[in-house]
């Protein structure tokens, strides 16, 4: 007798199997994608720490009013860097998925 989880997984596999774009990943591909995700999470963490340190330093060097005016710009820069890092990661994941 199969568990509810096993039945659900079989159903999901069957539904995805009908999708022409669906490709079942090999264990090596899954491992490579997991590793890539970890690398890019670390890369983002490094950048975030660096950017926050720059912002902290700048907040001590300029007047509070000037700093407040630039706060939105700093947040935009952080978002741009984050999007760039994760877009690069997503491209690499897609390349791994397309390998056979």
PDB file of N, CA and C in Angstrom:
ATOM      1  N   UNK A   1       0.845  -1.180   0.000  1.00  0.00           N
ATOM      2  CA  UNK A   1       0.000   0.000   0.000  1.00  0.00           C
ATOM      3  C   UNK A   1       0.892   1.246   0.000  1.00  0.00           C
ATOM      4  N   UNK A   2       0.544   2.199  -0.846  1.00  0.00           N
ATOM      5  CA  UNK A   2       1.342   3.416  -0.976  1.00  0.00           C
ATOM      6  C   UNK A   2       0.820   4.490  -0.026  1.00  0.00           C
ATOM      7  N   UNK A   3       1.758   5.307   0.436  1.00  0.00           N
ATOM      8  CA  UNK A   3       1.377   6.418   1.309  1.00  0.00           C
ATOM      9  C   UNK A   3       0.774   7.539   0.462  1.00  0.00           C
ATOM     10  N   UNK A   4       0.138   8.474   1.142  1.00  0.00           N
ATOM     11  CA  UNK A   4      -0.459   9.614   0.449  1.00  0.00           C
ATOM     12  C   UNK A   4       0.616  10.426  -0.262  1.00  0.00           C
ATOM     13  N   UNK A   5       1.789  10.524   0.348  1.00  0.00           N
ATOM     14  CA  UNK A   5       2.889  11.264  -0.261  1.00  0.00           C
ATOM     15  C   UNK A   5       3.339  10.598  -1.558  1.00  0.00           C
ATOM     16  N   UNK A   6       3.496   9.292  -1.525  1.00  0.00           N
ATOM     17  CA  UNK A   6       3.909   8.566  -2.734  1.00  0.00           C
ATOM     18  C   UNK A   6       2.884   8.721  -3.850  1.00  0.00           C
ATOM     19  N   UNK A   7       1.616   8.652  -3.510  1.00  0.00           N
ATOM     20  CA  UNK A   7       0.562   8.826  -4.513  1.00  0.00           C
ATOM     21  C   UNK A   7       0.589  10.247  -5.090  1.00  0.00           C
ATOM     22  N   UNK A   8       0.777  11.221  -4.224  1.00  0.00           N
ATOM     23  CA  UNK A   8       0.838  12.614  -4.685  1.00  0.00           C
ATOM     24  C   UNK A   8       2.036  12.830  -5.599  1.00  0.00           C
ATOM     25  N   UNK A   9       3.183  12.233  -5.239  1.00  0.00           N
ATOM     26  CA  UNK A   9       4.384  12.380  -6.067  1.00  0.00           C
ATOM     27  C   UNK A   9       4.177  11.713  -7.437  1.00  0.00           C
ATOM     28  N   UNK A  10       3.559  10.557  -7.458  1.00  0.00           N
ATOM     29  CA  UNK A  10       3.288   9.886  -8.733  1.00  0.00           C
ATOM     30  C   UNK A  10       2.358  10.722  -9.594  1.00  0.00           C
ATOM     31  N   UNK A  11       1.344  11.299  -8.978  1.00  0.00           N
ATOM     32  CA  UNK A  11       0.397  12.141  -9.712  1.00  0.00           C
ATOM     33  C   UNK A  11       1.106  13.367 -10.281  1.00  0.00           C
ATOM     34  N   UNK A  12       1.949  13.994  -9.460  1.00  0.00           N
ATOM     35  CA  UNK A  12       2.694  15.169  -9.923  1.00  0.00           C
ATOM     36  C   UNK A  12       3.631  14.803 -11.067  1.00  0.00           C
ATOM     37  N   UNK A  13       4.316  13.665 -10.947  1.00  0.00           N
ATOM     38  CA  UNK A  13       5.207  13.215 -12.018  1.00  0.00           C
ATOM     39  C   UNK A  13       4.429  12.955 -13.298  1.00  0.00           C
ATOM     40  N   UNK A  14       3.263  12.361 -13.163  1.00  0.00           N
ATOM     41  CA  UNK A  14       2.445  12.061 -14.341  1.00  0.00           C
ATOM     42  C   UNK A  14       1.984  13.350 -15.020  1.00  0.00           C
ATOM     43  N   UNK A  15       1.548  14.321 -14.217  1.00  0.00           N
ATOM     44  CA  UNK A  15       1.104  15.592 -14.787  1.00  0.00           C
ATOM     45  C   UNK A  15       2.256  16.337 -15.440  1.00  0.00           C
ATOM     46  N   UNK A  16       3.408  16.348 -14.799  1.00  0.00           N
ATOM     47  CA  UNK A  16       4.564  17.039 -15.362  1.00  0.00           C
ATOM     48  C   UNK A  16       5.100  16.308 -16.584  1.00  0.00           C
ATOM     49  N   UNK A  17       4.959  15.008 -16.596  1.00  0.00           N
ATOM     50  CA  UNK A  17       5.422  14.225 -17.735  1.00  0.00           C
ATOM     51  C   UNK A  17       4.693  14.576 -19.017  1.00  0.00           C
ATOM     52  N   UNK A  18       3.480  15.090 -18.895  1.00  0.00           N
ATOM     53  CA  UNK A  18       2.701  15.484 -20.066  1.00  0.00           C
ATOM     54  C   UNK A  18       3.141  16.837 -20.604  1.00  0.00           C
ATOM     55  N   UNK A  19       3.824  17.600 -19.792  1.00  0.00           N
ATOM     56  CA  UNK A  19       4.333  18.911 -20.189  1.00  0.00           C
ATOM     57  C   UNK A  19       5.576  18.713 -21.061  1.00  0.00           C
ATOM     58  N   UNK A  20       5.534  19.221 -22.288  1.00  0.00           N
ATOM     59  CA  UNK A  20       6.639  19.021 -23.227  1.00  0.00           C
ATOM     60  C   UNK A  20       7.924  19.715 -22.776  1.00  0.00           C
ATOM     61  N   UNK A  21       7.804  20.810 -22.005  1.00  0.00           N
ATOM     62  CA  UNK A  21       8.974  21.546 -21.544  1.00  0.00           C
ATOM     63  C   UNK A  21       9.602  20.928 -20.297  1.00  0.00           C
ATOM     64  N   UNK A  22       8.913  19.998 -19.671  1.00  0.00           N
ATOM     65  CA  UNK A  22       9.401  19.390 -18.427  1.00  0.00           C
ATOM     66  C   UNK A  22      10.483  18.366 -18.728  1.00  0.00           C
ATOM     67  N   UNK A  23      11.587  18.495 -18.021  1.00  0.00           N
ATOM     68  CA  UNK A  23      12.682  17.542 -18.132  1.00  0.00           C
ATOM     69  C   UNK A  23      13.032  17.115 -16.718  1.00  0.00           C
ATOM     70  N   UNK A  24      13.001  15.820 -16.479  1.00  0.00           N
ATOM     71  CA  UNK A  24      13.358  15.331 -15.152  1.00  0.00           C
ATOM     72  C   UNK A  24      14.867  15.471 -14.992  1.00  0.00           C
ATOM     73  N   UNK A  25      15.275  16.105 -13.904  1.00  0.00           N
ATOM     74  CA  UNK A  25      16.688  16.356 -13.667  1.00  0.00           C
ATOM     75  C   UNK A  25      17.376  15.123 -13.112  1.00  0.00           C
ATOM     76  N   UNK A  26      18.630  14.974 -13.499  1.00  0.00           N
ATOM     77  CA  UNK A  26      19.432  13.885 -12.960  1.00  0.00           C
ATOM     78  C   UNK A  26      19.883  14.274 -11.556  1.00  0.00           C
ATOM     79  N   UNK A  27      20.293  13.297 -10.755  1.00  0.00           N
ATOM     80  CA  UNK A  27      20.808  13.644  -9.422  1.00  0.00           C
ATOM     81  C   UNK A  27      22.001  14.599  -9.487  1.00  0.00           C
ATOM     82  N   UNK A  28      22.824  14.464 -10.527  1.00  0.00           N
ATOM     83  CA  UNK A  28      23.966  15.361 -10.684  1.00  0.00           C
ATOM     84  C   UNK A  28      23.508  16.794 -10.955  1.00  0.00           C
ATOM     85  N   UNK A  29      22.468  16.935 -11.772  1.00  0.00           N
ATOM     86  CA  UNK A  29      21.950  18.264 -12.067  1.00  0.00           C
ATOM     87  C   UNK A  29      21.348  18.899 -10.810  1.00  0.00           C
ATOM     88  N   UNK A  30      20.619  18.100 -10.042  1.00  0.00           N
ATOM     89  CA  UNK A  30      20.022  18.608  -8.808  1.00  0.00           C
ATOM     90  C   UNK A  30      21.125  19.077  -7.856  1.00  0.00           C
ATOM     91  N   UNK A  31      22.172  18.272  -7.718  1.00  0.00           N
ATOM     92  CA  UNK A  31      23.290  18.638  -6.843  1.00  0.00           C
ATOM     93  C   UNK A  31      23.980  19.906  -7.342  1.00  0.00           C
ATOM     94  N   UNK A  32      24.174  20.013  -8.656  1.00  0.00           N
ATOM     95  CA  UNK A  32      24.827  21.192  -9.234  1.00  0.00           C
ATOM     96  C   UNK A  32      23.980  22.445  -9.003  1.00  0.00           C
ATOM     97  N   UNK A  33      22.679  22.323  -9.151  1.00  0.00           N
ATOM     98  CA  UNK A  33      21.788  23.461  -8.938  1.00  0.00           C
ATOM     99  C   UNK A  33      21.795  23.874  -7.467  1.00  0.00           C
ATOM    100  N   UNK A  34      21.745  22.889  -6.576  1.00  0.00           N
ATOM    101  CA  UNK A  34      21.800  23.203  -5.142  1.00  0.00           C
ATOM    102  C   UNK A  34      23.092  23.930  -4.788  1.00  0.00           C
ATOM    103  N   UNK A  35      24.199  23.447  -5.326  1.00  0.00           N
ATOM    104  CA  UNK A  35      25.494  24.072  -5.060  1.00  0.00           C
ATOM    105  C   UNK A  35      25.528  25.502  -5.604  1.00  0.00           C
ATOM    106  N   UNK A  36      25.001  25.678  -6.797  1.00  0.00           N
ATOM    107  CA  UNK A  36      24.965  27.002  -7.422  1.00  0.00           C
ATOM    108  C   UNK A  36      24.120  27.972  -6.594  1.00  0.00           C
ATOM    109  N   UNK A  37      22.988  27.501  -6.107  1.00  0.00           N
ATOM    110  CA  UNK A  37      22.134  28.348  -5.273  1.00  0.00           C
ATOM    111  C   UNK A  37      22.869  28.779  -4.009  1.00  0.00           C
ATOM    112  N   UNK A  38      23.583  27.854  -3.390  1.00  0.00           N
ATOM    113  CA  UNK A  38      24.341  28.185  -2.179  1.00  0.00           C
ATOM    114  C   UNK A  38      25.427  29.215  -2.482  1.00  0.00           C
ATOM    115  N   UNK A  39      26.109  29.034  -3.602  1.00  0.00           N
ATOM    116  CA  UNK A  39      27.163  29.978  -3.981  1.00  0.00           C
ATOM    117  C   UNK A  39      26.604  31.381  -4.184  1.00  0.00           C
ATOM    118  N   UNK A  40      25.468  31.481  -4.852  1.00  0.00           N
ATOM    119  CA  UNK A  40      24.910  32.787  -5.139  1.00  0.00           C
ATOM    120  C   UNK A  40      24.254  33.422  -3.918  1.00  0.00           C
ATOM    121  N   UNK A  41      23.744  32.603  -2.996  1.00  0.00           N
ATOM    122  CA  UNK A  41      23.251  33.152  -1.728  1.00  0.00           C
ATOM    123  C   UNK A  41      24.420  33.767  -0.960  1.00  0.00           C
ATOM    124  N   UNK A  42      25.555  33.068  -0.967  1.00  0.00           N
ATOM    125  CA  UNK A  42      26.751  33.585  -0.291  1.00  0.00           C
ATOM    126  C   UNK A  42      27.260  34.851  -0.977  1.00  0.00           C
ATOM    127  N   UNK A  43      27.218  34.848  -2.301  1.00  0.00           N
ATOM    128  CA  UNK A  43      27.670  36.021  -3.060  1.00  0.00           C
ATOM    129  C   UNK A  43      26.798  37.235  -2.718  1.00  0.00           C
ATOM    130  N   UNK A  44      25.485  37.016  -2.632  1.00  0.00           N
ATOM    131  CA  UNK A  44      24.589  38.115  -2.284  1.00  0.00           C
ATOM    132  C   UNK A  44      24.847  38.573  -0.856  1.00  0.00           C
ATOM    133  N   UNK A  45      25.047  37.638   0.065  1.00  0.00           N
ATOM    134  CA  UNK A  45      25.309  38.003   1.460  1.00  0.00           C
ATOM    135  C   UNK A  45      26.560  38.879   1.563  1.00  0.00           C
ATOM    136  N   UNK A  46      27.596  38.510   0.815  1.00  0.00           N
ATOM    137  CA  UNK A  46      28.825  39.318   0.792  1.00  0.00           C
ATOM    138  C   UNK A  46      28.551  40.732   0.304  1.00  0.00           C
ATOM    139  N   UNK A  47      27.837  40.829  -0.799  1.00  0.00           N
ATOM    140  CA  UNK A  47      27.534  42.139  -1.374  1.00  0.00           C
ATOM    141  C   UNK A  47      26.660  42.964  -0.437  1.00  0.00           C
ATOM    142  N   UNK A  48      25.695  42.309   0.183  1.00  0.00           N
ATOM    143  CA  UNK A  48      24.799  43.008   1.094  1.00  0.00           C
ATOM    144  C   UNK A  48      25.571  43.567   2.285  1.00  0.00           C
ATOM    145  N   UNK A  49      26.462  42.766   2.848  1.00  0.00           N
ATOM    146  CA  UNK A  49      27.276  43.233   3.964  1.00  0.00           C
ATOM    147  C   UNK A  49      28.144  44.408   3.542  1.00  0.00           C
ATOM    148  N   UNK A  50      28.751  44.302   2.370  1.00  0.00           N
ATOM    149  CA  UNK A  50      29.599  45.370   1.859  1.00  0.00           C
ATOM    150  C   UNK A  50      28.810  46.659   1.646  1.00  0.00           C
ATOM    151  N   UNK A  51      27.662  46.539   1.016  1.00  0.00           N
ATOM    152  CA  UNK A  51      26.846  47.733   0.757  1.00  0.00           C
ATOM    153  C   UNK A  51      26.338  48.355   2.054  1.00  0.00           C
ATOM    154  N   UNK A  52      25.919  47.523   2.994  1.00  0.00           N
ATOM    155  CA  UNK A  52      25.443  48.059   4.271  1.00  0.00           C
ATOM    156  C   UNK A  52      26.565  48.746   5.039  1.00  0.00           C
ATOM    157  N   UNK A  53      27.769  48.210   4.927  1.00  0.00           N
ATOM    158  CA  UNK A  53      28.917  48.852   5.589  1.00  0.00           C
ATOM    159  C   UNK A  53      29.183  50.218   4.973  1.00  0.00           C
ATOM    160  N   UNK A  54      29.098  50.312   3.652  1.00  0.00           N
ATOM    161  CA  UNK A  54      29.292  51.604   2.980  1.00  0.00           C
ATOM    162  C   UNK A  54      28.229  52.607   3.409  1.00  0.00           C
ATOM    163  N   UNK A  55      26.991  52.123   3.495  1.00  0.00           N
ATOM    164  CA  UNK A  55      25.892  53.001   3.907  1.00  0.00           C
ATOM    165  C   UNK A  55      26.102  53.464   5.345  1.00  0.00           C
ATOM    166  N   UNK A  56      26.504  52.549   6.205  1.00  0.00           N
ATOM    167  CA  UNK A  56      26.755  52.889   7.611  1.00  0.00           C
ATOM    168  C   UNK A  56      27.860  53.932   7.730  1.00  0.00           C
ATOM    169  N   UNK A  57      28.919  53.725   6.968  1.00  0.00           N
ATOM    170  CA  UNK A  57      30.043  54.679   7.000  1.00  0.00           C
ATOM    171  C   UNK A  57      29.590  56.045   6.517  1.00  0.00           C
ATOM    172  N   UNK A  58      28.847  56.061   5.435  1.00  0.00           N
ATOM    173  CA  UNK A  58      28.373  57.314   4.872  1.00  0.00           C
ATOM    174  C   UNK A  58      27.423  58.019   5.834  1.00  0.00           C
ATOM    175  N   UNK A  59      26.608  57.256   6.539  1.00  0.00           N
ATOM    176  CA  UNK A  59      25.650  57.874   7.476  1.00  0.00           C
ATOM    177  C   UNK A  59      26.368  58.632   8.587  1.00  0.00           C
ATOM    178  N   UNK A  60      27.582  58.208   8.920  1.00  0.00           N
ATOM    179  CA  UNK A  60      28.358  58.880   9.958  1.00  0.00           C
ATOM    180  C   UNK A  60      29.114  60.089   9.422  1.00  0.00           C
ATOM    181  N   UNK A  61      29.335  60.111   8.103  1.00  0.00           N
ATOM    182  CA  UNK A  61      30.140  61.169   7.502  1.00  0.00           C
ATOM    183  C   UNK A  61      29.333  62.362   7.002  1.00  0.00           C
ATOM    184  N   UNK A  62      28.061  62.151   6.702  1.00  0.00           N
ATOM    185  CA  UNK A  62      27.252  63.244   6.148  1.00  0.00           C
ATOM    186  C   UNK A  62      26.156  63.633   7.139  1.00  0.00           C
ATOM    187  N   UNK A  63      25.547  64.744   6.856  1.00  0.00           N
ATOM    188  CA  UNK A  63      24.459  65.230   7.700  1.00  0.00           C
ATOM    189  C   UNK A  63      23.250  64.302   7.573  1.00  0.00           C
ATOM    190  N   UNK A  64      22.486  64.153   8.640  1.00  0.00           N
ATOM    191  CA  UNK A  64      21.321  63.254   8.615  1.00  0.00           C
ATOM    192  C   UNK A  64      20.325  63.584   7.502  1.00  0.00           C
ATOM    193  N   UNK A  65      20.111  64.860   7.229  1.00  0.00           N
ATOM    194  CA  UNK A  65      19.170  65.250   6.186  1.00  0.00           C
ATOM    195  C   UNK A  65      19.665  64.785   4.813  1.00  0.00           C
ATOM    196  N   UNK A  66      20.937  64.986   4.551  1.00  0.00           N
ATOM    197  CA  UNK A  66      21.534  64.558   3.285  1.00  0.00           C
ATOM    198  C   UNK A  66      21.465  63.040   3.161  1.00  0.00           C
ATOM    199  N   UNK A  67      21.758  62.368   4.254  1.00  0.00           N
ATOM    200  CA  UNK A  67      21.708  60.904   4.245  1.00  0.00           C
ATOM    201  C   UNK A  67      20.294  60.419   3.952  1.00  0.00           C
ATOM    202  N   UNK A  68      19.306  61.044   4.580  1.00  0.00           N
ATOM    203  CA  UNK A  68      17.914  60.649   4.371  1.00  0.00           C
ATOM    204  C   UNK A  68      17.496  60.831   2.910  1.00  0.00           C
ATOM    205  N   UNK A  69      17.988  61.873   2.287  1.00  0.00           N
ATOM    206  CA  UNK A  69      17.664  62.127   0.885  1.00  0.00           C
ATOM    207  C   UNK A  69      18.215  61.034  -0.025  1.00  0.00           C
ATOM    208  N   UNK A  70      19.340  60.478   0.362  1.00  0.00           N
ATOM    209  CA  UNK A  70      19.977  59.457  -0.467  1.00  0.00           C
ATOM    210  C   UNK A  70      19.592  58.024  -0.076  1.00  0.00           C
ATOM    211  N   UNK A  71      18.814  57.881   0.968  1.00  0.00           N
ATOM    212  CA  UNK A  71      18.431  56.552   1.448  1.00  0.00           C
ATOM    213  C   UNK A  71      17.737  55.730   0.363  1.00  0.00           C
ATOM    214  N   UNK A  72      16.841  56.359  -0.367  1.00  0.00           N
ATOM    215  CA  UNK A  72      16.119  55.656  -1.442  1.00  0.00           C
ATOM    216  C   UNK A  72      17.093  55.203  -2.530  1.00  0.00           C
ATOM    217  N   UNK A  73      18.067  56.030  -2.823  1.00  0.00           N
ATOM    218  CA  UNK A  73      19.084  55.691  -3.818  1.00  0.00           C
ATOM    219  C   UNK A  73      19.881  54.471  -3.357  1.00  0.00           C
ATOM    220  N   UNK A  74      20.229  54.425  -2.078  1.00  0.00           N
ATOM    221  CA  UNK A  74      20.975  53.281  -1.538  1.00  0.00           C
ATOM    222  C   UNK A  74      20.156  52.000  -1.646  1.00  0.00           C
ATOM    223  N   UNK A  75      18.890  52.101  -1.326  1.00  0.00           N
ATOM    224  CA  UNK A  75      18.025  50.929  -1.413  1.00  0.00           C
ATOM    225  C   UNK A  75      17.882  50.452  -2.853  1.00  0.00           C
ATOM    226  N   UNK A  76      17.791  51.400  -3.772  1.00  0.00           N
ATOM    227  CA  UNK A  76      17.714  51.052  -5.188  1.00  0.00           C
ATOM    228  C   UNK A  76      18.972  50.347  -5.661  1.00  0.00           C
ATOM    229  N   UNK A  77      20.114  50.827  -5.193  1.00  0.00           N
ATOM    230  CA  UNK A  77      21.397  50.203  -5.546  1.00  0.00           C
ATOM    231  C   UNK A  77      21.463  48.780  -5.011  1.00  0.00           C
ATOM    232  N   UNK A  78      21.027  48.582  -3.783  1.00  0.00           N
ATOM    233  CA  UNK A  78      21.029  47.234  -3.211  1.00  0.00           C
ATOM    234  C   UNK A  78      20.115  46.309  -4.009  1.00  0.00           C
ATOM    235  N   UNK A  79      18.946  46.799  -4.380  1.00  0.00           N
ATOM    236  CA  UNK A  79      17.998  45.992  -5.146  1.00  0.00           C
ATOM    237  C   UNK A  79      18.571  45.655  -6.526  1.00  0.00           C
ATOM    238  N   UNK A  80      19.231  46.620  -7.152  1.00  0.00           N
ATOM    239  CA  UNK A  80      19.827  46.394  -8.478  1.00  0.00           C
ATOM    240  C   UNK A  80      20.908  45.324  -8.404  1.00  0.00           C
ATOM    241  N   UNK A  81      21.767  45.408  -7.399  1.00  0.00           N
ATOM    242  CA  UNK A  81      22.843  44.423  -7.232  1.00  0.00           C
ATOM    243  C   UNK A  81      22.246  43.044  -6.973  1.00  0.00           C
ATOM    244  N   UNK A  82      21.231  42.989  -6.121  1.00  0.00           N
ATOM    245  CA  UNK A  82      20.586  41.708  -5.799  1.00  0.00           C
ATOM    246  C   UNK A  82      19.971  41.075  -7.059  1.00  0.00           C
ATOM    247  N   UNK A  83      19.249  41.885  -7.821  1.00  0.00           N
ATOM    248  CA  UNK A  83      18.619  41.385  -9.041  1.00  0.00           C
ATOM    249  C   UNK A  83      19.667  40.896 -10.038  1.00  0.00           C
ATOM    250  N   UNK A  84      20.769  41.611 -10.148  1.00  0.00           N
ATOM    251  CA  UNK A  84      21.834  41.230 -11.060  1.00  0.00           C
ATOM    252  C   UNK A  84      22.434  39.877 -10.650  1.00  0.00           C
ATOM    253  N   UNK A  85      22.711  39.710  -9.370  1.00  0.00           N
ATOM    254  CA  UNK A  85      23.301  38.461  -8.874  1.00  0.00           C
ATOM    255  C   UNK A  85      22.352  37.291  -9.120  1.00  0.00           C
ATOM    256  N   UNK A  86      21.078  37.471  -8.776  1.00  0.00           N
ATOM    257  CA  UNK A  86      20.147  36.363  -8.918  1.00  0.00           C
ATOM    258  C   UNK A  86      19.764  36.103 -10.378  1.00  0.00           C
ATOM    259  N   UNK A  87      19.819  37.111 -11.229  1.00  0.00           N
ATOM    260  CA  UNK A  87      19.585  36.885 -12.658  1.00  0.00           C
ATOM    261  C   UNK A  87      20.708  36.029 -13.243  1.00  0.00           C
ATOM    262  N   UNK A  88      21.928  36.327 -12.818  1.00  0.00           N
ATOM    263  CA  UNK A  88      23.086  35.529 -13.257  1.00  0.00           C
ATOM    264  C   UNK A  88      22.930  34.089 -12.776  1.00  0.00           C
ATOM    265  N   UNK A  89      22.511  33.935 -11.518  1.00  0.00           N
ATOM    266  CA  UNK A  89      22.291  32.591 -10.969  1.00  0.00           C
ATOM    267  C   UNK A  89      21.223  31.846 -11.771  1.00  0.00           C
ATOM    268  N   UNK A  90      20.121  32.516 -12.073  1.00  0.00           N
ATOM    269  CA  UNK A  90      19.030  31.873 -12.797  1.00  0.00           C
ATOM    270  C   UNK A  90      19.451  31.443 -14.196  1.00  0.00           C
ATOM    271  N   UNK A  91      20.300  32.242 -14.843  1.00  0.00           N
ATOM    272  CA  UNK A  91      20.804  31.866 -16.169  1.00  0.00           C
ATOM    273  C   UNK A  91      21.641  30.597 -16.085  1.00  0.00           C
ATOM    274  N   UNK A  92      22.468  30.508 -15.062  1.00  0.00           N
ATOM    275  CA  UNK A  92      23.314  29.327 -14.901  1.00  0.00           C
ATOM    276  C   UNK A  92      22.478  28.096 -14.554  1.00  0.00           C
ATOM    277  N   UNK A  93      21.441  28.276 -13.750  1.00  0.00           N
ATOM    278  CA  UNK A  93      20.551  27.154 -13.419  1.00  0.00           C
ATOM    279  C   UNK A  93      19.860  26.663 -14.676  1.00  0.00           C
ATOM    280  N   UNK A  94      19.403  27.578 -15.492  1.00  0.00           N
ATOM    281  CA  UNK A  94      18.733  27.194 -16.736  1.00  0.00           C
ATOM    282  C   UNK A  94      19.691  26.429 -17.658  1.00  0.00           C
ATOM    283  N   UNK A  95      20.937  26.852 -17.694  1.00  0.00           N
ATOM    284  CA  UNK A  95      21.942  26.138 -18.512  1.00  0.00           C
ATOM    285  C   UNK A  95      22.136  24.720 -17.993  1.00  0.00           C
ATOM    286  N   UNK A  96      22.156  24.548 -16.684  1.00  0.00           N
ATOM    287  CA  UNK A  96      22.310  23.205 -16.101  1.00  0.00           C
ATOM    288  C   UNK A  96      21.097  22.356 -16.446  1.00  0.00           C
ATOM    289  N   UNK A  97      19.917  22.938 -16.381  1.00  0.00           N
ATOM    290  CA  UNK A  97      18.687  22.197 -16.696  1.00  0.00           C
ATOM    291  C   UNK A  97      18.652  21.731 -18.150  1.00  0.00           C
ATOM    292  N   UNK A  98      19.231  22.519 -19.048  1.00  0.00           N
ATOM    293  CA  UNK A  98      19.185  22.189 -20.471  1.00  0.00           C
ATOM    294  C   UNK A  98      20.227  21.146 -20.865  1.00  0.00           C
ATOM    295  N   UNK A  99      21.233  20.944 -20.004  1.00  0.00           N
ATOM    296  CA  UNK A  99      22.251  19.923 -20.300  1.00  0.00           C
ATOM    297  C   UNK A  99      21.617  18.552 -20.193  1.00  0.00           C
ATOM    298  N   UNK A 100      22.057  17.670 -21.056  1.00  0.00           N
ATOM    299  CA  UNK A 100      21.509  16.301 -21.016  1.00  0.00           C
ATOM    300  C   UNK A 100      22.592  15.306 -20.721  1.00  0.00           C
TER     301      UNK A 100
END
